[in-house]
mmCIF file of all heavy atoms, coordinates in Angstrom:
data_MODEL
# 
_entry.id   MODEL 
# 
loop_
_atom_site.group_PDB 
_atom_site.id 
_atom_site.type_symbol 
_atom_site.label_atom_id 
_atom_site.label_alt_id 
_atom_site.label_comp_id 
_atom_site.label_asym_id 
_atom_site.label_entity_id 
_atom_site.label_seq_id 
_atom_site.pdbx_PDB_ins_code 
_atom_site.Cartn_x 
_atom_site.Cartn_y 
_atom_site.Cartn_z 
_atom_site.occupancy 
_atom_site.B_iso_or_equiv 
_atom_site.pdbx_formal_charge 
_atom_site.auth_seq_id 
_atom_site.auth_comp_id 
_atom_site.auth_asym_id 
_atom_site.auth_atom_id 
_atom_site.pdbx_PDB_model_num 
ATOM 1   N N   . LEU A 1 1  ? 3.749   -13.381 2.123  1.00 0.00 ? 1  LEU A N   1 
ATOM 2   C CA  . LEU A 1 1  ? 2.998   -14.437 1.444  1.00 0.00 ? 1  LEU A CA  1 
ATOM 3   C C   . LEU A 1 1  ? 2.237   -15.310 2.435  1.00 0.00 ? 1  LEU A C   1 
ATOM 4   O O   . LEU A 1 1  ? 1.066   -15.652 2.212  1.00 0.00 ? 1  LEU A O   1 
ATOM 5   C CB  . LEU A 1 1  ? 3.948   -15.298 0.615  1.00 0.00 ? 1  LEU A CB  1 
ATOM 6   C CG  . LEU A 1 1  ? 4.390   -14.732 -0.741 1.00 0.00 ? 1  LEU A CG  1 
ATOM 7   C CD1 . LEU A 1 1  ? 5.595   -15.494 -1.265 1.00 0.00 ? 1  LEU A CD1 1 
ATOM 8   C CD2 . LEU A 1 1  ? 3.256   -14.786 -1.749 1.00 0.00 ? 1  LEU A CD2 1 
ATOM 9   N N   . LEU A 1 2  ? 2.869   -15.668 3.536  1.00 0.00 ? 2  LEU A N   1 
ATOM 10  C CA  . LEU A 1 2  ? 2.236   -16.575 4.492  1.00 0.00 ? 2  LEU A CA  1 
ATOM 11  C C   . LEU A 1 2  ? 1.014   -15.962 5.163  1.00 0.00 ? 2  LEU A C   1 
ATOM 12  O O   . LEU A 1 2  ? 0.072   -16.685 5.528  1.00 0.00 ? 2  LEU A O   1 
ATOM 13  C CB  . LEU A 1 2  ? 3.253   -16.995 5.559  1.00 0.00 ? 2  LEU A CB  1 
ATOM 14  C CG  . LEU A 1 2  ? 4.428   -17.862 5.070  1.00 0.00 ? 2  LEU A CG  1 
ATOM 15  C CD1 . LEU A 1 2  ? 5.387   -18.152 6.206  1.00 0.00 ? 2  LEU A CD1 1 
ATOM 16  C CD2 . LEU A 1 2  ? 3.929   -19.166 4.452  1.00 0.00 ? 2  LEU A CD2 1 
ATOM 17  N N   . VAL A 1 3  ? 1.003   -14.642 5.335  1.00 0.00 ? 3  VAL A N   1 
ATOM 18  C CA  . VAL A 1 3  ? -0.133  -14.017 6.024  1.00 0.00 ? 3  VAL A CA  1 
ATOM 19  C C   . VAL A 1 3  ? -1.192  -13.483 5.058  1.00 0.00 ? 3  VAL A C   1 
ATOM 20  O O   . VAL A 1 3  ? -2.204  -12.944 5.515  1.00 0.00 ? 3  VAL A O   1 
ATOM 21  C CB  . VAL A 1 3  ? 0.338   -12.874 6.953  1.00 0.00 ? 3  VAL A CB  1 
ATOM 22  C CG1 . VAL A 1 3  ? 1.297   -13.398 7.995  1.00 0.00 ? 3  VAL A CG1 1 
ATOM 23  C CG2 . VAL A 1 3  ? 0.959   -11.725 6.161  1.00 0.00 ? 3  VAL A CG2 1 
ATOM 24  N N   . LEU A 1 4  ? -0.992  -13.613 3.755  1.00 0.00 ? 4  LEU A N   1 
ATOM 25  C CA  . LEU A 1 4  ? -1.962  -13.074 2.795  1.00 0.00 ? 4  LEU A CA  1 
ATOM 26  C C   . LEU A 1 4  ? -3.392  -13.570 3.051  1.00 0.00 ? 4  LEU A C   1 
ATOM 27  O O   . LEU A 1 4  ? -4.328  -12.758 3.061  1.00 0.00 ? 4  LEU A O   1 
ATOM 28  C CB  . LEU A 1 4  ? -1.533  -13.403 1.364  1.00 0.00 ? 4  LEU A CB  1 
ATOM 29  C CG  . LEU A 1 4  ? -0.491  -12.475 0.729  1.00 0.00 ? 4  LEU A CG  1 
ATOM 30  C CD1 . LEU A 1 4  ? -0.138  -12.946 -0.668 1.00 0.00 ? 4  LEU A CD1 1 
ATOM 31  C CD2 . LEU A 1 4  ? -0.958  -11.038 0.704  1.00 0.00 ? 4  LEU A CD2 1 
ATOM 32  N N   . PRO A 1 5  ? -3.622  -14.871 3.245  1.00 0.00 ? 5  PRO A N   1 
ATOM 33  C CA  . PRO A 1 5  ? -5.018  -15.307 3.433  1.00 0.00 ? 5  PRO A CA  1 
ATOM 34  C C   . PRO A 1 5  ? -5.649  -14.803 4.725  1.00 0.00 ? 5  PRO A C   1 
ATOM 35  O O   . PRO A 1 5  ? -6.876  -14.815 4.848  1.00 0.00 ? 5  PRO A O   1 
ATOM 36  C CB  . PRO A 1 5  ? -4.900  -16.845 3.453  1.00 0.00 ? 5  PRO A CB  1 
ATOM 37  C CG  . PRO A 1 5  ? -3.593  -17.152 2.801  1.00 0.00 ? 5  PRO A CG  1 
ATOM 38  C CD  . PRO A 1 5  ? -2.704  -16.018 3.180  1.00 0.00 ? 5  PRO A CD  1 
ATOM 39  N N   . VAL A 1 6  ? -4.849  -14.356 5.693  1.00 0.00 ? 6  VAL A N   1 
ATOM 40  C CA  . VAL A 1 6  ? -5.403  -13.916 6.971  1.00 0.00 ? 6  VAL A CA  1 
ATOM 41  C C   . VAL A 1 6  ? -5.035  -12.466 7.266  1.00 0.00 ? 6  VAL A C   1 
ATOM 42  O O   . VAL A 1 6  ? -4.976  -12.064 8.430  1.00 0.00 ? 6  VAL A O   1 
ATOM 43  C CB  . VAL A 1 6  ? -4.934  -14.834 8.124  1.00 0.00 ? 6  VAL A CB  1 
ATOM 44  C CG1 . VAL A 1 6  ? -5.555  -16.201 8.016  1.00 0.00 ? 6  VAL A CG1 1 
ATOM 45  C CG2 . VAL A 1 6  ? -3.400  -14.909 8.175  1.00 0.00 ? 6  VAL A CG2 1 
ATOM 46  N N   . LEU A 1 7  ? -4.756  -11.675 6.222  1.00 0.00 ? 7  LEU A N   1 
ATOM 47  C CA  . LEU A 1 7  ? -4.532  -10.256 6.463  1.00 0.00 ? 7  LEU A CA  1 
ATOM 48  C C   . LEU A 1 7  ? -5.720  -9.654  7.197  1.00 0.00 ? 7  LEU A C   1 
ATOM 49  O O   . LEU A 1 7  ? -5.567  -8.807  8.078  1.00 0.00 ? 7  LEU A O   1 
ATOM 50  C CB  . LEU A 1 7  ? -4.315  -9.525  5.130  1.00 0.00 ? 7  LEU A CB  1 
ATOM 51  C CG  . LEU A 1 7  ? -2.972  -9.706  4.431  1.00 0.00 ? 7  LEU A CG  1 
ATOM 52  C CD1 . LEU A 1 7  ? -2.982  -8.985  3.102  1.00 0.00 ? 7  LEU A CD1 1 
ATOM 53  C CD2 . LEU A 1 7  ? -1.825  -9.225  5.291  1.00 0.00 ? 7  LEU A CD2 1 
ATOM 54  N N   . LEU A 1 8  ? -6.909  -10.093 6.816  1.00 0.00 ? 8  LEU A N   1 
ATOM 55  C CA  . LEU A 1 8  ? -8.150  -9.736  7.494  1.00 0.00 ? 8  LEU A CA  1 
ATOM 56  C C   . LEU A 1 8  ? -8.873  -11.019 7.846  1.00 0.00 ? 8  LEU A C   1 
ATOM 57  O O   . LEU A 1 8  ? -8.786  -12.008 7.097  1.00 0.00 ? 8  LEU A O   1 
ATOM 58  C CB  . LEU A 1 8  ? -9.037  -8.873  6.593  1.00 0.00 ? 8  LEU A CB  1 
ATOM 59  C CG  . LEU A 1 8  ? -8.458  -7.541  6.096  1.00 0.00 ? 8  LEU A CG  1 
ATOM 60  C CD1 . LEU A 1 8  ? -9.305  -7.002  4.958  1.00 0.00 ? 8  LEU A CD1 1 
ATOM 61  C CD2 . LEU A 1 8  ? -8.367  -6.537  7.225  1.00 0.00 ? 8  LEU A CD2 1 
ATOM 62  N N   . VAL A 1 9  ? -9.597  -11.024 8.954  1.00 0.00 ? 9  VAL A N   1 
ATOM 63  C CA  . VAL A 1 9  ? -10.373 -12.200 9.344  1.00 0.00 ? 9  VAL A CA  1 
ATOM 64  C C   . VAL A 1 9  ? -11.740 -11.749 9.846  1.00 0.00 ? 9  VAL A C   1 
ATOM 65  O O   . VAL A 1 9  ? -11.891 -10.625 10.355 1.00 0.00 ? 9  VAL A O   1 
ATOM 66  C CB  . VAL A 1 9  ? -9.651  -13.024 10.440 1.00 0.00 ? 9  VAL A CB  1 
ATOM 67  C CG1 . VAL A 1 9  ? -8.345  -13.598 9.921  1.00 0.00 ? 9  VAL A CG1 1 
ATOM 68  C CG2 . VAL A 1 9  ? -9.415  -12.180 11.679 1.00 0.00 ? 9  VAL A CG2 1 
ATOM 69  N N   . PRO A 1 10 ? -12.756 -12.603 9.722  1.00 0.00 ? 10 PRO A N   1 
ATOM 70  C CA  . PRO A 1 10 ? -14.092 -12.238 10.209 1.00 0.00 ? 10 PRO A CA  1 
ATOM 71  C C   . PRO A 1 10 ? -14.177 -12.286 11.733 1.00 0.00 ? 10 PRO A C   1 
ATOM 72  O O   . PRO A 1 10 ? -13.309 -12.848 12.413 1.00 0.00 ? 10 PRO A O   1 
ATOM 73  C CB  . PRO A 1 10 ? -14.991 -13.289 9.561  1.00 0.00 ? 10 PRO A CB  1 
ATOM 74  C CG  . PRO A 1 10 ? -14.101 -14.460 9.339  1.00 0.00 ? 10 PRO A CG  1 
ATOM 75  C CD  . PRO A 1 10 ? -12.748 -13.899 9.029  1.00 0.00 ? 10 PRO A CD  1 
ATOM 76  N N   . VAL A 1 11 ? -15.225 -11.694 12.239 1.00 0.00 ? 11 VAL A N   1 
ATOM 77  C CA  . VAL A 1 11 ? -15.457 -11.669 13.683 1.00 0.00 ? 11 VAL A CA  1 
ATOM 78  C C   . VAL A 1 11 ? -16.124 -12.979 14.098 1.00 0.00 ? 11 VAL A C   1 
ATOM 79  O O   . VAL A 1 11 ? -17.311 -13.204 13.829 1.00 0.00 ? 11 VAL A O   1 
ATOM 80  C CB  . VAL A 1 11 ? -16.336 -10.470 14.083 1.00 0.00 ? 11 VAL A CB  1 
ATOM 81  C CG1 . VAL A 1 11 ? -16.632 -10.502 15.581 1.00 0.00 ? 11 VAL A CG1 1 
ATOM 82  C CG2 . VAL A 1 11 ? -15.660 -9.172  13.692 1.00 0.00 ? 11 VAL A CG2 1 
ATOM 83  N N   . THR A 1 12 ? -15.358 -13.866 14.724 1.00 0.00 ? 12 THR A N   1 
ATOM 84  C CA  . THR A 1 12 ? -15.878 -15.137 15.230 1.00 0.00 ? 12 THR A CA  1 
ATOM 85  C C   . THR A 1 12 ? -15.269 -15.396 16.604 1.00 0.00 ? 12 THR A C   1 
ATOM 86  O O   . THR A 1 12 ? -14.300 -14.746 17.020 1.00 0.00 ? 12 THR A O   1 
ATOM 87  C CB  . THR A 1 12 ? -15.523 -16.303 14.287 1.00 0.00 ? 12 THR A CB  1 
ATOM 88  O OG1 . THR A 1 12 ? -14.104 -16.507 14.310 1.00 0.00 ? 12 THR A OG1 1 
ATOM 89  C CG2 . THR A 1 12 ? -15.975 -16.032 12.854 1.00 0.00 ? 12 THR A CG2 1 
ATOM 90  N N   . LYS A 1 13 ? -15.820 -16.375 17.301 1.00 0.00 ? 13 LYS A N   1 
ATOM 91  C CA  . LYS A 1 13 ? -15.317 -16.716 18.627 1.00 0.00 ? 13 LYS A CA  1 
ATOM 92  C C   . LYS A 1 13 ? -13.876 -17.208 18.577 1.00 0.00 ? 13 LYS A C   1 
ATOM 93  O O   . LYS A 1 13 ? -13.114 -17.014 19.536 1.00 0.00 ? 13 LYS A O   1 
ATOM 94  C CB  . LYS A 1 13 ? -16.208 -17.784 19.256 1.00 0.00 ? 13 LYS A CB  1 
ATOM 95  C CG  . LYS A 1 13 ? -17.612 -17.294 19.608 1.00 0.00 ? 13 LYS A CG  1 
ATOM 96  C CD  . LYS A 1 13 ? -18.420 -18.401 20.269 1.00 0.00 ? 13 LYS A CD  1 
ATOM 97  C CE  . LYS A 1 13 ? -19.824 -17.909 20.648 1.00 0.00 ? 13 LYS A CE  1 
ATOM 98  N NZ  . LYS A 1 13 ? -20.628 -18.976 21.299 1.00 0.00 ? 13 LYS A NZ  1 
ATOM 99  N N   . ALA A 1 14 ? -13.511 -17.851 17.478 1.00 0.00 ? 14 ALA A N   1 
ATOM 100 C CA  . ALA A 1 14 ? -12.151 -18.381 17.376 1.00 0.00 ? 14 ALA A CA  1 
ATOM 101 C C   . ALA A 1 14 ? -11.153 -17.310 16.951 1.00 0.00 ? 14 ALA A C   1 
ATOM 102 O O   . ALA A 1 14 ? -9.993  -17.315 17.392 1.00 0.00 ? 14 ALA A O   1 
ATOM 103 C CB  . ALA A 1 14 ? -12.120 -19.545 16.386 1.00 0.00 ? 14 ALA A CB  1 
ATOM 104 N N   . LEU A 1 15 ? -11.577 -16.385 16.092 1.00 0.00 ? 15 LEU A N   1 
ATOM 105 C CA  . LEU A 1 15 ? -10.638 -15.454 15.485 1.00 0.00 ? 15 LEU A CA  1 
ATOM 106 C C   . LEU A 1 15 ? -10.448 -14.164 16.276 1.00 0.00 ? 15 LEU A C   1 
ATOM 107 O O   . LEU A 1 15 ? -9.370  -13.566 16.222 1.00 0.00 ? 15 LEU A O   1 
ATOM 108 C CB  . LEU A 1 15 ? -11.103 -15.125 14.062 1.00 0.00 ? 15 LEU A CB  1 
ATOM 109 C CG  . LEU A 1 15 ? -11.034 -16.298 13.073 1.00 0.00 ? 15 LEU A CG  1 
ATOM 110 C CD1 . LEU A 1 15 ? -11.629 -15.918 11.733 1.00 0.00 ? 15 LEU A CD1 1 
ATOM 111 C CD2 . LEU A 1 15 ? -9.581  -16.748 12.893 1.00 0.00 ? 15 LEU A CD2 1 
ATOM 112 N N   . VAL A 1 16 ? -11.455 -13.711 16.988 1.00 0.00 ? 16 VAL A N   1 
ATOM 113 C CA  . VAL A 1 16 ? -11.308 -12.461 17.739 1.00 0.00 ? 16 VAL A CA  1 
ATOM 114 C C   . VAL A 1 16 ? -10.199 -12.561 18.786 1.00 0.00 ? 16 VAL A C   1 
ATOM 115 O O   . VAL A 1 16 ? -9.356  -11.651 18.901 1.00 0.00 ? 16 VAL A O   1 
ATOM 116 C CB  . VAL A 1 16 ? -12.651 -12.046 18.377 1.00 0.00 ? 16 VAL A CB  1 
ATOM 117 C CG1 . VAL A 1 16 ? -12.441 -10.914 19.377 1.00 0.00 ? 16 VAL A CG1 1 
ATOM 118 C CG2 . VAL A 1 16 ? -13.624 -11.608 17.297 1.00 0.00 ? 16 VAL A CG2 1 
ATOM 119 N N   . PRO A 1 17 ? -10.129 -13.635 19.599 1.00 0.00 ? 17 PRO A N   1 
ATOM 120 C CA  . PRO A 1 17 ? -8.993  -13.743 20.526 1.00 0.00 ? 17 PRO A CA  1 
ATOM 121 C C   . PRO A 1 17 ? -7.642  -13.777 19.814 1.00 0.00 ? 17 PRO A C   1 
ATOM 122 O O   . PRO A 1 17 ? -6.653  -13.241 20.323 1.00 0.00 ? 17 PRO A O   1 
ATOM 123 C CB  . PRO A 1 17 ? -9.261  -15.059 21.260 1.00 0.00 ? 17 PRO A CB  1 
ATOM 124 C CG  . PRO A 1 17 ? -10.735 -15.278 21.129 1.00 0.00 ? 17 PRO A CG  1 
ATOM 125 C CD  . PRO A 1 17 ? -11.092 -14.740 19.795 1.00 0.00 ? 17 PRO A CD  1 
ATOM 126 N N   . ALA A 1 18 ? -7.608  -14.400 18.637 1.00 0.00 ? 18 ALA A N   1 
ATOM 127 C CA  . ALA A 1 18 ? -6.361  -14.450 17.878 1.00 0.00 ? 18 ALA A CA  1 
ATOM 128 C C   . ALA A 1 18 ? -5.954  -13.058 17.425 1.00 0.00 ? 18 ALA A C   1 
ATOM 129 O O   . ALA A 1 18 ? -4.768  -12.692 17.460 1.00 0.00 ? 18 ALA A O   1 
ATOM 130 C CB  . ALA A 1 18 ? -6.518  -15.379 16.672 1.00 0.00 ? 18 ALA A CB  1 
ATOM 131 N N   . VAL A 1 19 ? -6.919  -12.256 16.992 1.00 0.00 ? 19 VAL A N   1 
ATOM 132 C CA  . VAL A 1 19 ? -6.630  -10.884 16.590 1.00 0.00 ? 19 VAL A CA  1 
ATOM 133 C C   . VAL A 1 19 ? -6.132  -10.074 17.781 1.00 0.00 ? 19 VAL A C   1 
ATOM 134 O O   . VAL A 1 19 ? -5.173  -9.297  17.673 1.00 0.00 ? 19 VAL A O   1 
ATOM 135 C CB  . VAL A 1 19 ? -7.880  -10.234 15.970 1.00 0.00 ? 19 VAL A CB  1 
ATOM 136 C CG1 . VAL A 1 19 ? -7.649  -8.744  15.736 1.00 0.00 ? 19 VAL A CG1 1 
ATOM 137 C CG2 . VAL A 1 19 ? -8.245  -10.920 14.661 1.00 0.00 ? 19 VAL A CG2 1 
ATOM 138 N N   . ALA A 1 20 ? -6.778  -10.250 18.930 1.00 0.00 ? 20 ALA A N   1 
ATOM 139 C CA  . ALA A 1 20 ? -6.366  -9.516  20.129 1.00 0.00 ? 20 ALA A CA  1 
ATOM 140 C C   . ALA A 1 20 ? -4.935  -9.868  20.524 1.00 0.00 ? 20 ALA A C   1 
ATOM 141 O O   . ALA A 1 20 ? -4.120  -8.984  20.850 1.00 0.00 ? 20 ALA A O   1 
ATOM 142 C CB  . ALA A 1 20 ? -7.329  -9.820  21.271 1.00 0.00 ? 20 ALA A CB  1 
ATOM 143 N N   . ALA A 1 21 ? -4.587  -11.152 20.487 1.00 0.00 ? 21 ALA A N   1 
ATOM 144 C CA  . ALA A 1 21 ? -3.232  -11.572 20.843 1.00 0.00 ? 21 ALA A CA  1 
ATOM 145 C C   . ALA A 1 21 ? -2.212  -11.036 19.836 1.00 0.00 ? 21 ALA A C   1 
ATOM 146 O O   . ALA A 1 21 ? -1.113  -10.599 20.226 1.00 0.00 ? 21 ALA A O   1 
ATOM 147 C CB  . ALA A 1 21 ? -3.165  -13.097 20.902 1.00 0.00 ? 21 ALA A CB  1 
ATOM 148 N N   . THR A 1 22 ? -2.566  -11.044 18.568 1.00 0.00 ? 22 THR A N   1 
ATOM 149 C CA  . THR A 1 22 ? -1.668  -10.520 17.542 1.00 0.00 ? 22 THR A CA  1 
ATOM 150 C C   . THR A 1 22 ? -1.464  -9.024  17.711 1.00 0.00 ? 22 THR A C   1 
ATOM 151 O O   . THR A 1 22 ? -0.357  -8.505  17.508 1.00 0.00 ? 22 THR A O   1 
ATOM 152 C CB  . THR A 1 22 ? -2.227  -10.825 16.140 1.00 0.00 ? 22 THR A CB  1 
ATOM 153 O OG1 . THR A 1 22 ? -2.420  -12.235 16.002 1.00 0.00 ? 22 THR A OG1 1 
ATOM 154 C CG2 . THR A 1 22 ? -1.276  -10.350 15.060 1.00 0.00 ? 22 THR A CG2 1 
ATOM 155 N N   . ALA A 1 23 ? -2.527  -8.308  18.092 1.00 0.00 ? 23 ALA A N   1 
ATOM 156 C CA  . ALA A 1 23 ? -2.414  -6.871  18.305 1.00 0.00 ? 23 ALA A CA  1 
ATOM 157 C C   . ALA A 1 23 ? -1.475  -6.556  19.469 1.00 0.00 ? 23 ALA A C   1 
ATOM 158 O O   . ALA A 1 23 ? -0.674  -5.610  19.398 1.00 0.00 ? 23 ALA A O   1 
ATOM 159 C CB  . ALA A 1 23 ? -3.801  -6.272  18.555 1.00 0.00 ? 23 ALA A CB  1 
ATOM 160 N N   . VAL A 1 24 ? -1.558  -7.349  20.538 1.00 0.00 ? 24 VAL A N   1 
ATOM 161 C CA  . VAL A 1 24 ? -0.648  -7.151  21.678 1.00 0.00 ? 24 VAL A CA  1 
ATOM 162 C C   . VAL A 1 24 ? 0.791   -7.389  21.240 1.00 0.00 ? 24 VAL A C   1 
ATOM 163 O O   . VAL A 1 24 ? 1.702   -6.615  21.576 1.00 0.00 ? 24 VAL A O   1 
ATOM 164 C CB  . VAL A 1 24 ? -1.039  -8.085  22.839 1.00 0.00 ? 24 VAL A CB  1 
ATOM 165 C CG1 . VAL A 1 24 ? 0.014   -8.046  23.944 1.00 0.00 ? 24 VAL A CG1 1 
ATOM 166 C CG2 . VAL A 1 24 ? -2.405  -7.711  23.388 1.00 0.00 ? 24 VAL A CG2 1 
ATOM 167 N N   . TRP A 1 25 ? 1.010   -8.463  20.495 1.00 0.00 ? 25 TRP A N   1 
ATOM 168 C CA  . TRP A 1 25 ? 2.360   -8.751  19.988 1.00 0.00 ? 25 TRP A CA  1 
ATOM 169 C C   . TRP A 1 25 ? 2.868   -7.611  19.114 1.00 0.00 ? 25 TRP A C   1 
ATOM 170 O O   . TRP A 1 25 ? 4.022   -7.160  19.250 1.00 0.00 ? 25 TRP A O   1 
ATOM 171 C CB  . TRP A 1 25 ? 2.333   -10.055 19.187 1.00 0.00 ? 25 TRP A CB  1 
ATOM 172 C CG  . TRP A 1 25 ? 3.535   -10.218 18.312 1.00 0.00 ? 25 TRP A CG  1 
ATOM 173 C CD1 . TRP A 1 25 ? 4.743   -10.738 18.654 1.00 0.00 ? 25 TRP A CD1 1 
ATOM 174 C CD2 . TRP A 1 25 ? 3.662   -9.810  16.943 1.00 0.00 ? 25 TRP A CD2 1 
ATOM 175 N NE1 . TRP A 1 25 ? 5.612   -10.699 17.596 1.00 0.00 ? 25 TRP A NE1 1 
ATOM 176 C CE2 . TRP A 1 25 ? 4.967   -10.136 16.529 1.00 0.00 ? 25 TRP A CE2 1 
ATOM 177 C CE3 . TRP A 1 25 ? 2.788   -9.224  16.031 1.00 0.00 ? 25 TRP A CE3 1 
ATOM 178 C CZ2 . TRP A 1 25 ? 5.418   -9.865  15.244 1.00 0.00 ? 25 TRP A CZ2 1 
ATOM 179 C CZ3 . TRP A 1 25 ? 3.229   -8.951  14.747 1.00 0.00 ? 25 TRP A CZ3 1 
ATOM 180 C CH2 . TRP A 1 25 ? 4.536   -9.278  14.357 1.00 0.00 ? 25 TRP A CH2 1 
ATOM 181 N N   . ALA A 1 26 ? 2.035   -7.110  18.194 1.00 0.00 ? 26 ALA A N   1 
ATOM 182 C CA  . ALA A 1 26 ? 2.450   -6.046  17.285 1.00 0.00 ? 26 ALA A CA  1 
ATOM 183 C C   . ALA A 1 26 ? 2.789   -4.773  18.042 1.00 0.00 ? 26 ALA A C   1 
ATOM 184 O O   . ALA A 1 26 ? 3.762   -4.077  17.710 1.00 0.00 ? 26 ALA A O   1 
ATOM 185 C CB  . ALA A 1 26 ? 1.351   -5.780  16.251 1.00 0.00 ? 26 ALA A CB  1 
ATOM 186 N N   . ALA A 1 27 ? 1.999   -4.456  19.054 1.00 0.00 ? 27 ALA A N   1 
ATOM 187 C CA  . ALA A 1 27 ? 2.267   -3.249  19.834 1.00 0.00 ? 27 ALA A CA  1 
ATOM 188 C C   . ALA A 1 27 ? 3.605   -3.353  20.558 1.00 0.00 ? 27 ALA A C   1 
ATOM 189 O O   . ALA A 1 27 ? 4.374   -2.377  20.611 1.00 0.00 ? 27 ALA A O   1 
ATOM 190 C CB  . ALA A 1 27 ? 1.136   -3.022  20.833 1.00 0.00 ? 27 ALA A CB  1 
# 
């Protein structure tokens, strides 16, 4: 439930680094 609004995010300067960090954590 908590991640539903951010399951996907647009490509922006603020969000791309967040996606990259989350991907490292997930791996």
